[in-house]
C-alpha atoms as a PDB file:
ATOM      1  CA  MET A   1      12.598 -23.660   4.921  1.00  0.00           C
ATOM      2  CA  GLU A   2       8.854 -23.591   4.381  1.00  0.00           C
ATOM      3  CA  LEU A   3       8.335 -21.970   7.781  1.00  0.00           C
ATOM      4  CA  LEU A   4      10.970 -19.344   6.982  1.00  0.00           C
ATOM      5  CA  ALA A   5       9.267 -18.633   3.657  1.00  0.00           C
ATOM      6  CA  VAL A   6       5.901 -18.226   5.397  1.00  0.00           C
ATOM      7  CA  VAL A   7       7.418 -15.828   7.931  1.00  0.00           C
ATOM      8  CA  MET A   8       9.095 -13.803   5.174  1.00  0.00           C
ATOM      9  CA  LEU A   9       5.819 -13.642   3.236  1.00  0.00           C
ATOM     10  CA  ALA A  10       4.000 -12.346   6.311  1.00  0.00           C
ATOM     11  CA  VAL A  11       6.715  -9.777   7.102  1.00  0.00           C
ATOM     12  CA  PHE A  12       6.933  -8.364   3.591  1.00  0.00           C
ATOM     13  CA  ALA A  13       3.169  -8.323   3.018  1.00  0.00           C
ATOM     14  CA  GLY A  14       2.611  -6.698   6.402  1.00  0.00           C
ATOM     15  CA  GLY A  15       5.362  -4.179   5.737  1.00  0.00           C
ATOM     16  CA  TYR A  16       3.716  -3.194   2.471  1.00  0.00           C
ATOM     17  CA  LEU A  17       0.266  -2.749   4.001  1.00  0.00           C
ATOM     18  CA  VAL A  18       1.553  -0.652   6.913  1.00  0.00           C
ATOM     19  CA  LEU A  19       3.907   1.547   4.886  1.00  0.00           C
ATOM     20  CA  ALA A  20       2.264   1.806   1.477  1.00  0.00           C
ATOM     21  CA  GLY A  21      -1.208   1.668   3.008  1.00  0.00           C
ATOM     22  CA  ALA A  22      -0.529   5.097   4.498  1.00  0.00           C
ATOM     23  CA  ASP A  23       0.421   6.782   1.239  1.00  0.00           C
ATOM     24  CA  ILE A  24      -2.526   5.078  -0.479  1.00  0.00           C
ATOM     25  CA  GLY A  25      -4.777   6.472   2.235  1.00  0.00           C
ATOM     26  CA  MET A  26      -3.379   9.993   1.879  1.00  0.00           C
ATOM     27  CA  GLY A  27      -3.983   9.782  -1.858  1.00  0.00           C
ATOM     28  CA  MET A  28      -7.575   8.742  -1.208  1.00  0.00           C
ATOM     29  CA  LEU A  29      -8.012  11.763   1.065  1.00  0.00           C
ATOM     30  CA  LEU A  30      -6.270  14.251  -1.242  1.00  0.00           C
ATOM     31  CA  PRO A  31      -9.449  16.301  -1.990  1.00  0.00           C
ATOM     32  CA  VAL A  32     -10.364  16.324   1.711  1.00  0.00           C
ATOM     33  CA  LEU A  33      -6.951  17.395   2.976  1.00  0.00           C
ATOM     34  CA  GLY A  34      -6.066  19.830   0.186  1.00  0.00           C
ATOM     35  CA  LYS A  35      -8.750  22.244  -1.014  1.00  0.00           C
ATOM     36  CA  SER A  36      -6.554  24.108  -3.507  1.00  0.00           C
ATOM     37  CA  GLN A  37      -3.888  22.972  -5.938  1.00  0.00           C
ATOM     38  CA  ASP A  38      -1.145  24.429  -3.748  1.00  0.00           C
ATOM     39  CA  GLU A  39      -2.480  22.615  -0.686  1.00  0.00           C
ATOM     40  CA  ARG A  40      -2.748  19.351  -2.612  1.00  0.00           C
ATOM     41  CA  ARG A  41       0.860  19.806  -3.695  1.00  0.00           C
ATOM     42  CA  LEU A  42       1.852  19.929  -0.026  1.00  0.00           C
ATOM     43  CA  VAL A  43      -0.126  16.749   0.686  1.00  0.00           C
ATOM     44  CA  ILE A  44       1.671  15.024  -2.198  1.00  0.00           C
ATOM     45  CA  ALA A  45       5.007  16.240  -0.824  1.00  0.00           C
ATOM     46  CA  GLY A  46       4.067  14.461   2.407  1.00  0.00           C
ATOM     47  CA  ILE A  47       4.213  11.054   0.733  1.00  0.00           C
ATOM     48  CA  ALA A  48       6.621  11.716  -2.136  1.00  0.00           C
ATOM     49  CA  PRO A  49       9.855  10.625  -0.380  1.00  0.00           C
ATOM     50  CA  PHE A  50       8.351   7.301   0.670  1.00  0.00           C
ATOM     51  CA  PHE A  51       6.031   5.804  -1.916  1.00  0.00           C
ATOM     52  CA  LEU A  52       8.639   4.232  -4.205  1.00  0.00           C
ATOM     53  CA  GLY A  53      10.462   2.599  -1.285  1.00  0.00           C
ATOM     54  CA  ASN A  54       7.150   1.360   0.082  1.00  0.00           C
ATOM     55  CA  GLU A  55       6.370  -0.334  -3.219  1.00  0.00           C
ATOM     56  CA  VAL A  56       9.562  -2.412  -2.926  1.00  0.00           C
ATOM     57  CA  TRP A  57       7.812  -4.376  -0.172  1.00  0.00           C
ATOM     58  CA  LEU A  58       5.055  -5.335  -2.610  1.00  0.00           C
ATOM     59  CA  VAL A  59       7.524  -6.341  -5.319  1.00  0.00           C
ATOM     60  CA  SER A  60       9.349  -8.505  -2.770  1.00  0.00           C
ATOM     61  CA  THR A  61       6.068 -10.040  -1.630  1.00  0.00           C
ATOM     62  CA  ALA A  62       5.217 -10.950  -5.215  1.00  0.00           C
ATOM     63  CA  GLY A  63       8.674 -12.497  -5.592  1.00  0.00           C
ATOM     64  CA  ILE A  64       8.175 -14.649  -2.506  1.00  0.00           C
ATOM     65  CA  VAL A  65       4.805 -15.857  -3.775  1.00  0.00           C
ATOM     66  CA  ALA A  66       6.200 -16.660  -7.235  1.00  0.00           C
ATOM     67  CA  GLY A  67       9.324 -18.388  -5.929  1.00  0.00           C
ATOM     68  CA  ALA A  68       8.105 -20.161  -2.798  1.00  0.00           C
ATOM     69  CA  PHE A  69       4.343 -20.537  -3.288  1.00  0.00           C
ATOM     70  CA  PRO A  70       3.631 -20.822  -7.037  1.00  0.00           C
ATOM     71  CA  GLY A  71       0.378 -22.671  -6.369  1.00  0.00           C
ATOM     72  CA  LEU A  72      -0.893 -19.691  -4.388  1.00  0.00           C
ATOM     73  CA  GLU A  73      -0.043 -17.340  -7.241  1.00  0.00           C
ATOM     74  CA  HIS A  74      -2.102 -19.489  -9.618  1.00  0.00           C
ATOM     75  CA  ASP A  75      -5.086 -19.746  -7.267  1.00  0.00           C
ATOM     76  CA  LEU A  76      -5.215 -16.019  -6.500  1.00  0.00           C
ATOM     77  CA  LEU A  77      -4.850 -14.901 -10.102  1.00  0.00           C
ATOM     78  CA  THR A  78      -7.403 -17.432 -11.306  1.00  0.00           C
ATOM     79  CA  GLY A  79     -10.028 -16.607  -8.710  1.00  0.00           C
ATOM     80  CA  LEU A  80      -9.491 -12.860  -8.365  1.00  0.00           C
ATOM     81  CA  PHE A  81      -8.125 -11.851 -11.751  1.00  0.00           C
ATOM     82  CA  PRO A  82     -10.429  -8.800 -12.257  1.00  0.00           C
ATOM     83  CA  LEU A  83      -9.463  -7.427  -8.837  1.00  0.00           C
ATOM     84  CA  PHE A  84      -5.768  -7.727  -9.655  1.00  0.00           C
ATOM     85  CA  VAL A  85      -6.342  -5.974 -12.986  1.00  0.00           C
ATOM     86  CA  VAL A  86      -7.965  -3.070 -11.117  1.00  0.00           C
ATOM     87  CA  LEU A  87      -5.145  -3.131  -8.561  1.00  0.00           C
ATOM     88  CA  LEU A  88      -2.374  -2.940 -11.160  1.00  0.00           C
ATOM     89  CA  THR A  89      -4.241  -0.297 -13.148  1.00  0.00           C
ATOM     90  CA  GLY A  90      -4.744   1.802 -10.028  1.00  0.00           C
ATOM     91  CA  TRP A  91      -1.072   1.420  -9.133  1.00  0.00           C
ATOM     92  CA  VAL A  92       0.055   2.682 -12.540  1.00  0.00           C
ATOM     93  CA  VAL A  93      -2.510   5.502 -12.647  1.00  0.00           C
ATOM     94  CA  ARG A  94      -1.685   6.728  -9.125  1.00  0.00           C
ATOM     95  CA  ASP A  95       2.068   6.725  -9.786  1.00  0.00           C
ATOM     96  CA  MET A  96       1.562   8.495 -13.133  1.00  0.00           C
ATOM     97  CA  GLY A  97      -0.279  11.276 -11.340  1.00  0.00           C
ATOM     98  CA  LEU A  98       2.448  11.610  -8.723  1.00  0.00           C
ATOM     99  CA  TRP A  99       5.301  11.667 -11.226  1.00  0.00           C
ATOM    100  CA  LEU A 100       3.725  13.837 -13.899  1.00  0.00           C
ATOM    101  CA  ARG A 101       1.915  16.486 -11.837  1.00  0.00           C
ATOM    102  CA  GLY A 102       4.870  18.846 -11.698  1.00  0.00           C
ATOM    103  CA  ARG A 103       6.000  18.313 -15.273  1.00  0.00           C
ATOM    104  CA  VAL A 104       3.622  20.868 -16.834  1.00  0.00           C
ATOM    105  CA  ASP A 105       2.949  24.286 -15.327  1.00  0.00           C
ATOM    106  CA  ALA A 106      -0.767  24.476 -16.078  1.00  0.00           C
ATOM    107  CA  ALA A 107      -3.751  24.405 -13.732  1.00  0.00           C
ATOM    108  CA  ALA A 108      -5.728  22.019 -15.943  1.00  0.00           C
ATOM    109  CA  TRP A 109      -2.805  19.582 -16.050  1.00  0.00           C
ATOM    110  CA  ARG A 110      -2.385  19.663 -12.283  1.00  0.00           C
ATOM    111  CA  SER A 111      -6.112  19.065 -11.800  1.00  0.00           C
ATOM    112  CA  LEU A 112      -5.942  16.087 -14.163  1.00  0.00           C
ATOM    113  CA  CYS A 113      -3.003  14.599 -12.261  1.00  0.00           C
ATOM    114  CA  ASP A 114      -4.761  15.196  -8.938  1.00  0.00           C
ATOM    115  CA  GLY A 115      -7.700  13.224 -10.327  1.00  0.00           C
ATOM    116  CA  LEU A 116      -5.365  10.405 -11.378  1.00  0.00           C
ATOM    117  CA  ILE A 117      -3.844  10.273  -7.896  1.00  0.00           C
ATOM    118  CA  VAL A 118      -7.245  10.126  -6.195  1.00  0.00           C
ATOM    119  CA  ALA A 119      -8.731   7.612  -8.646  1.00  0.00           C
ATOM    120  CA  GLY A 120      -5.638   5.404  -8.555  1.00  0.00           C
ATOM    121  CA  SER A 121      -5.470   5.511  -4.756  1.00  0.00           C
ATOM    122  CA  TRP A 122      -9.135   4.547  -4.414  1.00  0.00           C
ATOM    123  CA  ALA A 123      -8.648   1.760  -6.945  1.00  0.00           C
ATOM    124  CA  LEU A 124      -5.743   0.453  -4.865  1.00  0.00           C
ATOM    125  CA  GLY A 125      -7.625   0.720  -1.571  1.00  0.00           C
ATOM    126  CA  LEU A 126     -10.802  -0.914  -2.882  1.00  0.00           C
ATOM    127  CA  SER A 127      -9.003  -3.675  -4.778  1.00  0.00           C
ATOM    128  CA  TRP A 128      -6.778  -4.568  -1.836  1.00  0.00           C
ATOM    129  CA  GLY A 129      -9.871  -4.543   0.346  1.00  0.00           C
ATOM    130  CA  GLY A 130     -11.573  -6.834  -2.152  1.00  0.00           C
ATOM    131  CA  VAL A 131      -8.632  -9.242  -2.292  1.00  0.00           C
ATOM    132  CA  LEU A 132      -8.299  -9.478   1.485  1.00  0.00           C
ATOM    133  CA  GLY A 133     -12.059  -9.731   1.935  1.00  0.00           C
ATOM    134  CA  SER A 134     -12.346 -12.501  -0.644  1.00  0.00           C
ATOM    135  CA  ILE A 135      -9.643 -14.517   1.102  1.00  0.00           C
ATOM    136  CA  LEU A 136     -11.087 -13.875   4.568  1.00  0.00           C
ATOM    137  CA  PHE A 137     -14.724 -14.668   3.887  1.00  0.00           C
ATOM    138  CA  GLY A 138     -14.557 -16.865   0.801  1.00  0.00           C
ATOM    139  CA  GLY A 139     -17.220 -16.660  -1.843  1.00  0.00           C
ATOM    140  CA  GLY A 140     -14.987 -15.084  -4.480  1.00  0.00           C
ATOM    141  CA  MET A 141     -15.211 -11.496  -5.576  1.00  0.00           C
ATOM    142  CA  ASN A 142     -18.794 -10.953  -4.408  1.00  0.00           C
ATOM    143  CA  ALA A 143     -17.812 -11.411  -0.780  1.00  0.00           C
ATOM    144  CA  GLY A 144     -14.672  -9.376  -1.323  1.00  0.00           C
ATOM    145  CA  SER A 145     -16.591  -6.484  -2.832  1.00  0.00           C
ATOM    146  CA  ALA A 146     -18.966  -6.448   0.116  1.00  0.00           C
ATOM    147  CA  VAL A 147     -16.148  -5.746   2.571  1.00  0.00           C
ATOM    148  CA  GLY A 148     -13.940  -3.793   0.183  1.00  0.00           C
ATOM    149  CA  MET A 149     -15.381  -0.442   1.234  1.00  0.00           C
ATOM    150  CA  VAL A 150     -14.818  -1.229   4.916  1.00  0.00           C
ATOM    151  CA  LEU A 151     -11.170  -2.076   4.371  1.00  0.00           C
ATOM    152  CA  ALA A 152     -10.767   0.887   2.017  1.00  0.00           C
ATOM    153  CA  ALA A 153     -11.988   3.103   4.869  1.00  0.00           C
ATOM    154  CA  LEU A 154      -9.258   1.542   7.019  1.00  0.00           C
ATOM    155  CA  PHE A 155      -6.674   2.559   4.403  1.00  0.00           C
ATOM    156  CA  ALA A 156      -8.073   6.101   4.429  1.00  0.00           C
ATOM    157  CA  ALA A 157      -7.903   6.281   8.222  1.00  0.00           C
ATOM    158  CA  HIS A 158      -4.328   5.004   8.083  1.00  0.00           C
ATOM    159  CA  GLY A 159      -3.498   7.773   5.615  1.00  0.00           C
ATOM    160  CA  ALA A 160      -5.066  10.348   7.921  1.00  0.00           C
ATOM    161  CA  GLY A 161      -2.803   9.106  10.690  1.00  0.00           C
ATOM    162  CA  LEU A 162       0.258   9.691   8.507  1.00  0.00           C
ATOM    163  CA  ALA A 163      -1.086  13.115   7.499  1.00  0.00           C
ATOM    164  CA  ARG A 164      -1.251  14.120  11.168  1.00  0.00           C
ATOM    165  CA  TRP A 165       2.466  13.487  11.436  1.00  0.00           C
ATOM    166  CA  ARG A 166       3.642  14.829   8.066  1.00  0.00           C
ATOM    167  CA  LEU A 167       1.523  17.924   7.460  1.00  0.00           C
ATOM    168  CA  THR A 168       1.192  21.329   9.141  1.00  0.00           C
ATOM    169  CA  GLY A 169      -1.292  24.135   9.662  1.00  0.00           C
ATOM    170  CA  VAL A 170      -4.788  23.825   8.258  1.00  0.00           C
ATOM    171  CA  LEU A 171      -3.852  20.564   6.491  1.00  0.00           C
ATOM    172  CA  VAL A 172      -3.095  18.750   9.710  1.00  0.00           C
ATOM    173  CA  GLU A 173      -6.221  20.248  11.298  1.00  0.00           C
ATOM    174  CA  ARG A 174      -8.304  18.675   8.539  1.00  0.00           C
ATOM    175  CA  ALA A 175      -6.541  15.345   9.076  1.00  0.00           C
ATOM    176  CA  ARG A 176      -7.375  15.515  12.786  1.00  0.00           C
ATOM    177  CA  ARG A 177     -11.092  15.628  11.965  1.00  0.00           C
ATOM    178  CA  ILE A 178     -10.821  12.038  10.733  1.00  0.00           C
ATOM    179  CA  PRO A 179     -10.764   9.543  13.629  1.00  0.00           C
ATOM    180  CA  SER A 180      -7.470   7.746  13.229  1.00  0.00           C
ATOM    181  CA  SER A 181      -4.282   6.597  14.874  1.00  0.00           C
ATOM    182  CA  TYR A 182      -1.351   5.505  12.736  1.00  0.00           C
ATOM    183  CA  PRO A 183      -0.219   2.720  15.120  1.00  0.00           C
ATOM    184  CA  VAL A 184      -3.774   1.433  15.630  1.00  0.00           C
ATOM    185  CA  THR A 185      -4.673   1.371  11.949  1.00  0.00           C
ATOM    186  CA  GLY A 186      -1.299  -0.197  11.155  1.00  0.00           C
ATOM    187  CA  VAL A 187      -1.942  -3.004  13.629  1.00  0.00           C
ATOM    188  CA  ALA A 188      -5.442  -3.432  12.211  1.00  0.00           C
ATOM    189  CA  LEU A 189      -4.086  -3.824   8.676  1.00  0.00           C
ATOM    190  CA  VAL A 190      -1.544  -6.404   9.825  1.00  0.00           C
ATOM    191  CA  ALA A 191      -4.268  -8.260  11.741  1.00  0.00           C
ATOM    192  CA  VAL A 192      -6.432  -8.432   8.618  1.00  0.00           C
ATOM    193  CA  MET A 193      -3.458  -9.677   6.610  1.00  0.00           C
ATOM    194  CA  VAL A 194      -2.599 -12.369   9.183  1.00  0.00           C
ATOM    195  CA  ALA A 195      -6.222 -13.499   9.378  1.00  0.00           C
ATOM    196  CA  ALA A 196      -6.389 -13.731   5.593  1.00  0.00           C
ATOM    197  CA  GLY A 197      -3.074 -15.589   5.457  1.00  0.00           C
ATOM    198  CA  ALA A 198      -4.301 -18.100   8.007  1.00  0.00           C
ATOM    199  CA  ARG A 199      -7.040 -19.127   5.562  1.00  0.00           C
ATOM    200  CA  LEU A 200      -4.579 -19.916   2.779  1.00  0.00           C
ATOM    201  CA  SER A 201      -3.288 -23.450   2.244  1.00  0.00           C
ATOM    202  CA  LEU A 202       0.346 -22.413   1.991  1.00  0.00           C
ATOM    203  CA  SER A 203       1.724 -25.931   2.492  1.00  0.00           C
ATOM    204  CA  ASP A 204      -0.204 -27.207  -0.512  1.00  0.00           C
ATOM    205  CA  ALA A 205       0.949 -24.246  -2.604  1.00  0.00           C
ATOM    206  CA  ALA A 206       4.634 -24.364  -1.607  1.00  0.00           C
ATOM    207  CA  SER A 207       7.345 -25.260  -4.089  1.00  0.00           C
ATOM    208  CA  THR A 208       9.971 -27.865  -3.260  1.00  0.00           C
ATOM    209  CA  GLY A 209      13.726 -28.167  -3.364  1.00  0.00           C
ATOM    210  CA  THR A 210      16.021 -25.307  -4.263  1.00  0.00           C
ATOM    211  CA  ALA A 211      13.268 -22.881  -5.323  1.00  0.00           C
ATOM    212  CA  LEU A 212      11.770 -22.803  -1.822  1.00  0.00           C
ATOM    213  CA  SER A 213      15.138 -22.668  -0.058  1.00  0.00           C
ATOM    214  CA  ALA A 214      16.615 -20.022  -2.340  1.00  0.00           C
ATOM    215  CA  THR A 215      13.556 -17.769  -2.039  1.00  0.00           C
ATOM    216  CA  ALA A 216      13.390 -18.073   1.750  1.00  0.00           C
ATOM    217  CA  VAL A 217      17.113 -17.435   2.284  1.00  0.00           C
ATOM    218  CA  LEU A 218      17.348 -14.600  -0.250  1.00  0.00           C
ATOM    219  CA  THR A 219      14.427 -12.685   1.249  1.00  0.00           C
ATOM    220  CA  ALA A 220      15.773 -13.229   4.764  1.00  0.00           C
ATOM    221  CA  VAL A 221      19.069 -11.683   3.650  1.00  0.00           C
ATOM    222  CA  MET A 222      17.284  -8.804   1.902  1.00  0.00           C
ATOM    223  CA  LEU A 223      15.085  -7.939   4.876  1.00  0.00           C
ATOM    224  CA  PRO A 224      17.716  -6.182   7.065  1.00  0.00           C
ATOM    225  CA  LEU A 225      18.938  -4.199   4.044  1.00  0.00           C
ATOM    226  CA  LEU A 226      15.420  -3.095   3.170  1.00  0.00           C
ATOM    227  CA  VAL A 227      14.616  -2.171   6.762  1.00  0.00           C
ATOM    228  CA  ALA A 228      17.858  -0.188   7.070  1.00  0.00           C
ATOM    229  CA  SER A 229      17.275   1.725   3.831  1.00  0.00           C
ATOM    230  CA  GLN A 230      13.663   2.404   4.762  1.00  0.00           C
ATOM    231  CA  ALA A 231      14.699   3.644   8.203  1.00  0.00           C
ATOM    232  CA  LEU A 232      17.270   5.963   6.618  1.00  0.00           C
ATOM    233  CA  VAL A 233      14.661   7.479   4.305  1.00  0.00           C
ATOM    234  CA  TRP A 234      12.159   7.992   7.124  1.00  0.00           C
ATOM    235  CA  TRP A 235      14.835   9.551   9.346  1.00  0.00           C
ATOM    236  CA  THR A 236      16.011  11.853   6.553  1.00  0.00           C
ATOM    237  CA  PHE A 237      12.468  13.091   5.844  1.00  0.00           C
ATOM    238  CA  ARG A 238      11.188  12.944   9.428  1.00  0.00           C
ATOM    239  CA  ASP A 239      10.277  16.645   9.612  1.00  0.00           C
ATOM    240  CA  ARG A 240       6.840  17.988   8.736  1.00  0.00           C
ATOM    241  CA  VAL A 241       6.267  19.264   5.218  1.00  0.00           C
ATOM    242  CA  VAL A 242       6.394  23.058   5.014  1.00  0.00           C
ATOM    243  CA  SER A 243       7.053  23.501   1.291  1.00  0.00           C
ATOM    244  CA  PRO A 244       6.421  21.494  -1.890  1.00  0.00           C
ATOM    245  CA  THR A 245      10.016  20.393  -2.359  1.00  0.00           C
ATOM    246  CA  TYR A 246       9.357  16.855  -3.682  1.00  0.00           C
ATOM    247  CA  LEU A 247       8.184  15.812  -7.168  1.00  0.00           C
END
């Protein structure tokens, strides 16, 4: 059961980085891709159908850690607590900007929400880069901060790859100026995650008995359902964005 739990942790964490990493990256690039408020609204429409579903992978990952590897949860929160505070704050701020931007028909309000989206996305990219860097290279947050910008750039490139597929016209032309390939950056993010996971002492952090078994089996059952629902959403919204019809 421990091996199954490890596999499920890797699958869900990798799924989050590949899927949500793209909408984080597009949020980071919002001022680059969209020069006006109307253009930025189109960029936001490019990620709007996906970002909530993508976040389910992170919630599931956190559930696996809490249920199957409680020792890991303690070690990460103890050693990297400030990074996780920034991460959660960025998550809330980014989602606030996405949800609230269209609620008030005022240019100043839309500009404020655009700023929240960009700031929250950068906070997410940098904090995830810091967490992965800290695990990869050790040395706590100092080492993580040193490589955080590099990994944040990888998130941005991943977002540019998604923008090439989702956007049209001058927006996609701007995305093409950023060297990127969605499959390549996705593989790179998974490779970083696997390398970081290989440095964790998961056996020492694993729970025992029913908690480990229940978590492993439950997530294994959930996985096909999550993949099917995610595939349905991506198929439904597979066309390029031509109008700001979301959020």
